[in-house]
Amino acid sequence: MAEDLTIQTGGKDGGIVINDDWPGYSLELFNYPKHYSGDLECVYIPHGVIMDRTERLARNIMGDLGDHDIVVLCVLKAGYQFCADLVERIKALSRNSDHTLPMSVNFIRLKSYVNDQSTEDLHIVGAEDLSFLTGKNVLIVEAIVDTGKTMKTLLKHVEAFRPKMIKVAGLLVKRVPNSSGCLPDYVGFEIPNRFVVGYALDYNEYFRDLNHICVISESGKLKYKV
């Protein structure tokens, strides 16, 4: 990373901590869809860095859960890309290791954002009956955790089906003043309280086709506001 990006590691799975004053990378240094020209401030986390960190998380998960059957519960829509890449890396490790991690993958959808604001109105779609989780080891894969309220609600819902164990992998954790303290077991990056898009993270369904994680500009918010 650039010299003016100070990072810290929060322990084995605490994530890479990106400081509040990190300005990101110039858009001119990277390829991105030109239909988003003027809609982005900067590239915040390049795709290659995401991939390397995801591989490290896969290794940590394999070390903790290896030789246990697990059910991966992917939180849509934002989590689909992170989940797909994480599962692929776990599969690769299983093929080339003395340990194996048999997996099945299921999907649920959460929706709590309107424009760039999280709301108290949480919708869980596809999670009406999770009885197949009873007695199973569950790995919930989520793209981003900010206040933690959404994750707390989801965990409570999943726990009602009496799984054997629940672990959570989150690509991003935002530092926000009103955090509930509900944090993933495996964290990719801890970031400042900025609205980021790309790598399947959206703003009103736009920007999912970005490979990098970027900061949306104010003009981009206005352009795609509902």
C-alpha atoms as a PDB file:
ATOM      1  CA  MET A   1       0.000   0.000   0.000  1.00  0.00           C
ATOM      2  CA  ALA A   2       1.035   3.617  -0.363  1.00  0.00           C
ATOM      3  CA  GLU A   3       3.475   5.117   2.142  1.00  0.00           C
ATOM      4  CA  ASP A   4       0.884   7.491   3.604  1.00  0.00           C
ATOM      5  CA  LEU A   5      -1.510   4.645   4.442  1.00  0.00           C
ATOM      6  CA  THR A   6      -0.917   3.608   8.035  1.00  0.00           C
ATOM      7  CA  ILE A   7      -2.349   0.204   8.807  1.00  0.00           C
ATOM      8  CA  GLN A   8      -2.639  -1.798  11.983  1.00  0.00           C
ATOM      9  CA  THR A   9      -3.594  -5.408  12.469  1.00  0.00           C
ATOM     10  CA  GLY A  10      -6.201  -6.262  15.046  1.00  0.00           C
ATOM     11  CA  GLY A  11      -4.793  -9.674  15.913  1.00  0.00           C
ATOM     12  CA  LYS A  12      -5.247 -12.859  13.898  1.00  0.00           C
ATOM     13  CA  ASP A  13      -8.728 -12.037  12.654  1.00  0.00           C
ATOM     14  CA  GLY A  14      -9.206  -8.435  13.761  1.00  0.00           C
ATOM     15  CA  GLY A  15      -8.778  -7.132  10.250  1.00  0.00           C
ATOM     16  CA  ILE A  16      -6.566  -4.557   8.577  1.00  0.00           C
ATOM     17  CA  VAL A  17      -7.338  -1.188  10.169  1.00  0.00           C
ATOM     18  CA  ILE A  18      -7.538   1.691   7.692  1.00  0.00           C
ATOM     19  CA  ASN A  19      -7.073   5.029   9.442  1.00  0.00           C
ATOM     20  CA  ASP A  20      -9.574   7.884   9.291  1.00  0.00           C
ATOM     21  CA  ASP A  21      -7.223  10.093   7.258  1.00  0.00           C
ATOM     22  CA  TRP A  22      -6.611   7.540   4.484  1.00  0.00           C
ATOM     23  CA  PRO A  23      -7.477   9.435   1.256  1.00  0.00           C
ATOM     24  CA  GLY A  24      -7.618   6.392  -0.995  1.00  0.00           C
ATOM     25  CA  TYR A  25      -5.976   5.968  -4.387  1.00  0.00           C
ATOM     26  CA  SER A  26      -6.483   8.181  -7.399  1.00  0.00           C
ATOM     27  CA  LEU A  27      -9.037   6.774  -9.832  1.00  0.00           C
ATOM     28  CA  GLU A  28      -6.571   7.422 -12.639  1.00  0.00           C
ATOM     29  CA  LEU A  29      -4.371   4.586 -11.347  1.00  0.00           C
ATOM     30  CA  PHE A  30      -7.027   1.914 -11.921  1.00  0.00           C
ATOM     31  CA  ASN A  31      -9.466   0.604 -14.475  1.00  0.00           C
ATOM     32  CA  TYR A  32     -13.142   1.024 -13.653  1.00  0.00           C
ATOM     33  CA  PRO A  33     -16.374   1.271 -15.682  1.00  0.00           C
ATOM     34  CA  LYS A  34     -16.454   4.669 -17.381  1.00  0.00           C
ATOM     35  CA  HIS A  35     -20.203   4.921 -16.895  1.00  0.00           C
ATOM     36  CA  TYR A  36     -19.318   5.770 -13.284  1.00  0.00           C
ATOM     37  CA  SER A  37     -17.066   8.658 -14.283  1.00  0.00           C
ATOM     38  CA  GLY A  38     -17.708  11.520 -11.856  1.00  0.00           C
ATOM     39  CA  ASP A  39     -19.593   9.258  -9.447  1.00  0.00           C
ATOM     40  CA  LEU A  40     -16.596   8.161  -7.367  1.00  0.00           C
ATOM     41  CA  GLU A  41     -14.105   9.952  -5.142  1.00  0.00           C
ATOM     42  CA  CYS A  42     -11.328   7.363  -5.029  1.00  0.00           C
ATOM     43  CA  VAL A  43     -10.390   3.696  -5.004  1.00  0.00           C
ATOM     44  CA  TYR A  44     -10.418   2.852  -1.311  1.00  0.00           C
ATOM     45  CA  ILE A  45      -9.373  -0.817  -1.374  1.00  0.00           C
ATOM     46  CA  PRO A  46      -8.038  -2.241  -4.660  1.00  0.00           C
ATOM     47  CA  HIS A  47      -9.355  -5.575  -5.883  1.00  0.00           C
ATOM     48  CA  GLY A  48      -5.999  -7.317  -5.520  1.00  0.00           C
ATOM     49  CA  VAL A  49      -5.743  -6.322  -1.856  1.00  0.00           C
ATOM     50  CA  ILE A  50      -9.259  -7.665  -1.271  1.00  0.00           C
ATOM     51  CA  MET A  51      -8.252 -10.973  -2.855  1.00  0.00           C
ATOM     52  CA  ASP A  52      -5.109 -11.346  -0.739  1.00  0.00           C
ATOM     53  CA  ARG A  53      -6.973 -10.559   2.475  1.00  0.00           C
ATOM     54  CA  THR A  54      -9.760 -12.998   1.522  1.00  0.00           C
ATOM     55  CA  GLU A  55      -7.184 -15.760   1.068  1.00  0.00           C
ATOM     56  CA  ARG A  56      -5.795 -15.023   4.537  1.00  0.00           C
ATOM     57  CA  LEU A  57      -9.293 -15.245   6.026  1.00  0.00           C
ATOM     58  CA  ALA A  58      -9.838 -18.545   4.235  1.00  0.00           C
ATOM     59  CA  ARG A  59      -6.661 -19.897   5.821  1.00  0.00           C
ATOM     60  CA  ASN A  60      -7.771 -18.730   9.257  1.00  0.00           C
ATOM     61  CA  ILE A  61     -11.197 -20.314   8.809  1.00  0.00           C
ATOM     62  CA  MET A  62      -9.629 -23.546   7.612  1.00  0.00           C
ATOM     63  CA  GLY A  63      -7.321 -23.565  10.643  1.00  0.00           C
ATOM     64  CA  ASP A  64     -10.241 -23.088  13.042  1.00  0.00           C
ATOM     65  CA  LEU A  65     -12.928 -25.180  11.385  1.00  0.00           C
ATOM     66  CA  GLY A  66     -11.004 -27.718   9.302  1.00  0.00           C
ATOM     67  CA  ASP A  67     -12.458 -31.251   9.286  1.00  0.00           C
ATOM     68  CA  HIS A  68     -15.890 -29.952  10.356  1.00  0.00           C
ATOM     69  CA  ASP A  69     -18.843 -29.890   7.979  1.00  0.00           C
ATOM     70  CA  ILE A  70     -20.130 -26.319   7.726  1.00  0.00           C
ATOM     71  CA  VAL A  71     -23.111 -24.553   6.238  1.00  0.00           C
ATOM     72  CA  VAL A  72     -22.184 -21.238   4.649  1.00  0.00           C
ATOM     73  CA  LEU A  73     -24.995 -18.707   4.909  1.00  0.00           C
ATOM     74  CA  CYS A  74     -24.362 -15.945   2.385  1.00  0.00           C
ATOM     75  CA  VAL A  75     -26.066 -12.616   3.088  1.00  0.00           C
ATOM     76  CA  LEU A  76     -27.313 -11.125  -0.184  1.00  0.00           C
ATOM     77  CA  LYS A  77     -27.022  -9.055  -2.136  1.00  0.00           C
ATOM     78  CA  ALA A  78     -23.824  -7.316  -1.111  1.00  0.00           C
ATOM     79  CA  GLY A  79     -22.184 -10.447   0.225  1.00  0.00           C
ATOM     80  CA  TYR A  80     -22.344 -12.576  -2.901  1.00  0.00           C
ATOM     81  CA  GLN A  81     -18.941 -11.641  -4.342  1.00  0.00           C
ATOM     82  CA  PHE A  82     -17.063 -11.912  -1.047  1.00  0.00           C
ATOM     83  CA  CYS A  83     -18.778 -15.219  -0.296  1.00  0.00           C
ATOM     84  CA  ALA A  84     -17.994 -16.660  -3.733  1.00  0.00           C
ATOM     85  CA  ASP A  85     -14.313 -15.693  -3.497  1.00  0.00           C
ATOM     86  CA  LEU A  86     -14.011 -16.874   0.110  1.00  0.00           C
ATOM     87  CA  VAL A  87     -15.600 -20.251  -0.686  1.00  0.00           C
ATOM     88  CA  GLU A  88     -13.346 -20.702  -3.728  1.00  0.00           C
ATOM     89  CA  ARG A  89     -10.254 -20.103  -1.610  1.00  0.00           C
ATOM     90  CA  ILE A  90     -11.422 -22.487   1.093  1.00  0.00           C
ATOM     91  CA  LYS A  91     -12.049 -25.113  -1.597  1.00  0.00           C
ATOM     92  CA  ALA A  92      -8.541 -24.587  -2.985  1.00  0.00           C
ATOM     93  CA  LEU A  93      -7.051 -25.040   0.482  1.00  0.00           C
ATOM     94  CA  SER A  94      -9.113 -28.208   0.984  1.00  0.00           C
ATOM     95  CA  ARG A  95      -7.714 -29.650  -2.233  1.00  0.00           C
ATOM     96  CA  ASN A  96      -4.125 -29.005  -1.179  1.00  0.00           C
ATOM     97  CA  SER A  97      -4.171 -29.741   2.536  1.00  0.00           C
ATOM     98  CA  ASP A  98      -4.300 -32.659   4.949  1.00  0.00           C
ATOM     99  CA  HIS A  99      -7.431 -31.011   6.366  1.00  0.00           C
ATOM    100  CA  THR A 100     -10.716 -30.671   4.551  1.00  0.00           C
ATOM    101  CA  LEU A 101     -13.747 -28.456   5.073  1.00  0.00           C
ATOM    102  CA  PRO A 102     -16.921 -29.867   3.484  1.00  0.00           C
ATOM    103  CA  MET A 103     -19.332 -27.022   2.738  1.00  0.00           C
ATOM    104  CA  SER A 104     -22.847 -26.379   1.564  1.00  0.00           C
ATOM    105  CA  VAL A 105     -23.913 -22.848   0.629  1.00  0.00           C
ATOM    106  CA  ASN A 106     -27.288 -21.228   1.244  1.00  0.00           C
ATOM    107  CA  PHE A 107     -28.512 -17.677   0.721  1.00  0.00           C
ATOM    108  CA  ILE A 108     -30.610 -15.137   2.557  1.00  0.00           C
ATOM    109  CA  ARG A 109     -31.221 -11.495   1.807  1.00  0.00           C
ATOM    110  CA  LEU A 110     -31.184  -8.549   4.194  1.00  0.00           C
ATOM    111  CA  LYS A 111     -32.343  -5.054   3.327  1.00  0.00           C
ATOM    112  CA  SER A 112     -32.100  -2.106   5.707  1.00  0.00           C
ATOM    113  CA  TYR A 113     -30.667   0.794   3.640  1.00  0.00           C
ATOM    114  CA  VAL A 114     -32.474   3.658   1.935  1.00  0.00           C
ATOM    115  CA  ASN A 115     -29.978   5.670  -0.122  1.00  0.00           C
ATOM    116  CA  ASP A 116     -26.921   5.931   2.175  1.00  0.00           C
ATOM    117  CA  GLN A 117     -28.755   5.609   5.487  1.00  0.00           C
ATOM    118  CA  SER A 118     -29.348   2.433   7.480  1.00  0.00           C
ATOM    119  CA  THR A 119     -32.884   2.164   8.805  1.00  0.00           C
ATOM    120  CA  GLU A 120     -34.487   0.275  11.681  1.00  0.00           C
ATOM    121  CA  ASP A 121     -36.756  -1.491   9.187  1.00  0.00           C
ATOM    122  CA  LEU A 122     -34.891  -4.751   8.543  1.00  0.00           C
ATOM    123  CA  HIS A 123     -36.267  -7.202   6.004  1.00  0.00           C
ATOM    124  CA  ILE A 124     -35.003 -10.815   6.054  1.00  0.00           C
ATOM    125  CA  VAL A 125     -35.878 -12.658   2.842  1.00  0.00           C
ATOM    126  CA  GLY A 126     -35.364 -16.385   2.410  1.00  0.00           C
ATOM    127  CA  ALA A 127     -34.830 -17.012   6.115  1.00  0.00           C
ATOM    128  CA  GLU A 128     -38.347 -17.920   7.130  1.00  0.00           C
ATOM    129  CA  ASP A 129     -37.396 -21.561   7.690  1.00  0.00           C
ATOM    130  CA  LEU A 130     -33.763 -22.262   8.528  1.00  0.00           C
ATOM    131  CA  SER A 131     -34.467 -25.599  10.208  1.00  0.00           C
ATOM    132  CA  PHE A 132     -31.732 -27.166   8.063  1.00  0.00           C
ATOM    133  CA  LEU A 133     -29.250 -25.328  10.313  1.00  0.00           C
ATOM    134  CA  THR A 134     -30.275 -27.285  13.408  1.00  0.00           C
ATOM    135  CA  GLY A 135     -27.231 -29.024  14.866  1.00  0.00           C
ATOM    136  CA  LYS A 136     -24.946 -27.658  12.109  1.00  0.00           C
ATOM    137  CA  ASN A 137     -21.793 -25.522  12.136  1.00  0.00           C
ATOM    138  CA  VAL A 138     -22.778 -22.253  10.452  1.00  0.00           C
ATOM    139  CA  LEU A 139     -20.542 -19.637   8.840  1.00  0.00           C
ATOM    140  CA  ILE A 140     -22.436 -16.432   8.067  1.00  0.00           C
ATOM    141  CA  VAL A 141     -20.723 -14.405   5.327  1.00  0.00           C
ATOM    142  CA  GLU A 142     -21.532 -10.692   5.239  1.00  0.00           C
ATOM    143  CA  ALA A 143     -20.024  -7.902   3.149  1.00  0.00           C
ATOM    144  CA  ILE A 144     -20.204  -5.056   5.660  1.00  0.00           C
ATOM    145  CA  VAL A 145     -21.056  -4.453   9.312  1.00  0.00           C
ATOM    146  CA  ASP A 146     -21.588  -0.900  10.554  1.00  0.00           C
ATOM    147  CA  THR A 147     -23.726  -0.438  13.675  1.00  0.00           C
ATOM    148  CA  GLY A 148     -23.959  -4.202  14.084  1.00  0.00           C
ATOM    149  CA  LYS A 149     -27.716  -3.999  14.718  1.00  0.00           C
ATOM    150  CA  THR A 150     -28.527  -5.867  11.522  1.00  0.00           C
ATOM    151  CA  MET A 151     -26.045  -8.625  12.366  1.00  0.00           C
ATOM    152  CA  LYS A 152     -27.367  -8.831  15.917  1.00  0.00           C
ATOM    153  CA  THR A 153     -30.917  -9.303  14.607  1.00  0.00           C
ATOM    154  CA  LEU A 154     -29.782 -11.940  12.117  1.00  0.00           C
ATOM    155  CA  LEU A 155     -27.808 -13.857  14.751  1.00  0.00           C
ATOM    156  CA  LYS A 156     -30.822 -13.918  17.033  1.00  0.00           C
ATOM    157  CA  HIS A 157     -32.938 -15.251  14.155  1.00  0.00           C
ATOM    158  CA  VAL A 158     -30.402 -17.957  13.254  1.00  0.00           C
ATOM    159  CA  GLU A 159     -29.880 -18.981  16.887  1.00  0.00           C
ATOM    160  CA  ALA A 160     -33.605 -19.770  17.149  1.00  0.00           C
ATOM    161  CA  PHE A 161     -32.977 -22.767  14.866  1.00  0.00           C
ATOM    162  CA  ARG A 162     -30.410 -24.194  17.329  1.00  0.00           C
ATOM    163  CA  PRO A 163     -27.262 -24.600  15.214  1.00  0.00           C
ATOM    164  CA  LYS A 164     -24.279 -26.288  16.849  1.00  0.00           C
ATOM    165  CA  MET A 165     -22.003 -23.300  16.263  1.00  0.00           C
ATOM    166  CA  ILE A 166     -22.148 -19.909  14.535  1.00  0.00           C
ATOM    167  CA  LYS A 167     -19.177 -17.996  13.160  1.00  0.00           C
ATOM    168  CA  VAL A 168     -19.336 -14.771  11.137  1.00  0.00           C
ATOM    169  CA  ALA A 169     -16.970 -13.577   8.397  1.00  0.00           C
ATOM    170  CA  GLY A 170     -17.289  -9.916   7.453  1.00  0.00           C
ATOM    171  CA  LEU A 171     -15.279  -8.263   4.713  1.00  0.00           C
ATOM    172  CA  LEU A 172     -15.692  -4.742   6.113  1.00  0.00           C
ATOM    173  CA  VAL A 173     -16.409  -3.352   9.570  1.00  0.00           C
ATOM    174  CA  LYS A 174     -17.139   0.370   9.826  1.00  0.00           C
ATOM    175  CA  ARG A 175     -16.069   2.447  12.798  1.00  0.00           C
ATOM    176  CA  VAL A 176     -19.295   4.184  13.762  1.00  0.00           C
ATOM    177  CA  PRO A 177     -20.192   5.986  17.004  1.00  0.00           C
ATOM    178  CA  ASN A 178     -23.380   3.996  17.580  1.00  0.00           C
ATOM    179  CA  SER A 179     -21.890   0.516  17.191  1.00  0.00           C
ATOM    180  CA  SER A 180     -23.612  -2.271  19.095  1.00  0.00           C
ATOM    181  CA  GLY A 181     -20.289  -4.055  19.557  1.00  0.00           C
ATOM    182  CA  CYS A 182     -21.500  -7.045  17.538  1.00  0.00           C
ATOM    183  CA  LEU A 183     -18.409  -7.847  15.439  1.00  0.00           C
ATOM    184  CA  PRO A 184     -17.588 -10.713  13.065  1.00  0.00           C
ATOM    185  CA  ASP A 185     -15.219 -13.479  14.123  1.00  0.00           C
ATOM    186  CA  TYR A 186     -13.238 -12.969  10.912  1.00  0.00           C
ATOM    187  CA  VAL A 187     -12.756  -9.408   9.639  1.00  0.00           C
ATOM    188  CA  GLY A 188     -11.228  -8.342   6.355  1.00  0.00           C
ATOM    189  CA  PHE A 189     -10.840  -4.602   6.869  1.00  0.00           C
ATOM    190  CA  GLU A 190     -11.868  -2.103   9.526  1.00  0.00           C
ATOM    191  CA  ILE A 191     -12.676   1.171   7.768  1.00  0.00           C
ATOM    192  CA  PRO A 192     -13.744   4.718   8.695  1.00  0.00           C
ATOM    193  CA  ASN A 193     -17.394   5.717   8.521  1.00  0.00           C
ATOM    194  CA  ARG A 194     -17.474   6.426   4.788  1.00  0.00           C
ATOM    195  CA  PHE A 195     -20.041   5.143   2.299  1.00  0.00           C
ATOM    196  CA  VAL A 196     -18.261   2.666   0.036  1.00  0.00           C
ATOM    197  CA  VAL A 197     -19.429   0.857  -3.079  1.00  0.00           C
ATOM    198  CA  GLY A 198     -18.095  -1.813  -5.411  1.00  0.00           C
ATOM    199  CA  TYR A 199     -17.203  -5.491  -5.077  1.00  0.00           C
ATOM    200  CA  ALA A 200     -20.986  -6.108  -4.932  1.00  0.00           C
ATOM    201  CA  LEU A 201     -21.613  -3.269  -2.436  1.00  0.00           C
ATOM    202  CA  ASP A 202     -24.256  -1.005  -3.908  1.00  0.00           C
ATOM    203  CA  TYR A 203     -25.946   2.353  -3.701  1.00  0.00           C
ATOM    204  CA  ASN A 204     -29.564   1.785  -4.748  1.00  0.00           C
ATOM    205  CA  GLU A 205     -28.468  -1.241  -6.821  1.00  0.00           C
ATOM    206  CA  TYR A 206     -25.730   0.641  -8.703  1.00  0.00           C
ATOM    207  CA  PHE A 207     -21.943   0.070  -8.462  1.00  0.00           C
ATOM    208  CA  ARG A 208     -22.101  -3.704  -7.896  1.00  0.00           C
ATOM    209  CA  ASP A 209     -20.118  -4.095 -11.137  1.00  0.00           C
ATOM    210  CA  LEU A 210     -17.021  -2.367  -9.712  1.00  0.00           C
ATOM    211  CA  ASN A 211     -14.104  -4.689  -8.911  1.00  0.00           C
ATOM    212  CA  HIS A 212     -12.549  -2.291  -6.408  1.00  0.00           C
ATOM    213  CA  ILE A 213     -14.095  -0.903  -3.247  1.00  0.00           C
ATOM    214  CA  CYS A 214     -14.520   2.830  -3.841  1.00  0.00           C
ATOM    215  CA  VAL A 215     -15.890   5.867  -2.040  1.00  0.00           C
ATOM    216  CA  ILE A 216     -18.968   7.271  -3.764  1.00  0.00           C
ATOM    217  CA  SER A 217     -18.966  11.003  -4.491  1.00  0.00           C
ATOM    218  CA  GLU A 218     -21.702  13.411  -3.429  1.00  0.00           C
ATOM    219  CA  SER A 219     -22.655  13.866  -7.087  1.00  0.00           C
ATOM    220  CA  GLY A 220     -22.917  10.082  -7.400  1.00  0.00           C
ATOM    221  CA  LYS A 221     -25.296   9.957  -4.436  1.00  0.00           C
ATOM    222  CA  LEU A 222     -27.507  12.606  -6.008  1.00  0.00           C
ATOM    223  CA  LYS A 223     -27.414  10.951  -9.417  1.00  0.00           C
ATOM    224  CA  TYR A 224     -28.678   7.581  -8.144  1.00  0.00           C
ATOM    225  CA  LYS A 225     -30.816   8.758  -5.243  1.00  0.00           C
ATOM    226  CA  VAL A 226     -34.328   7.297  -4.996  1.00  0.00           C
END
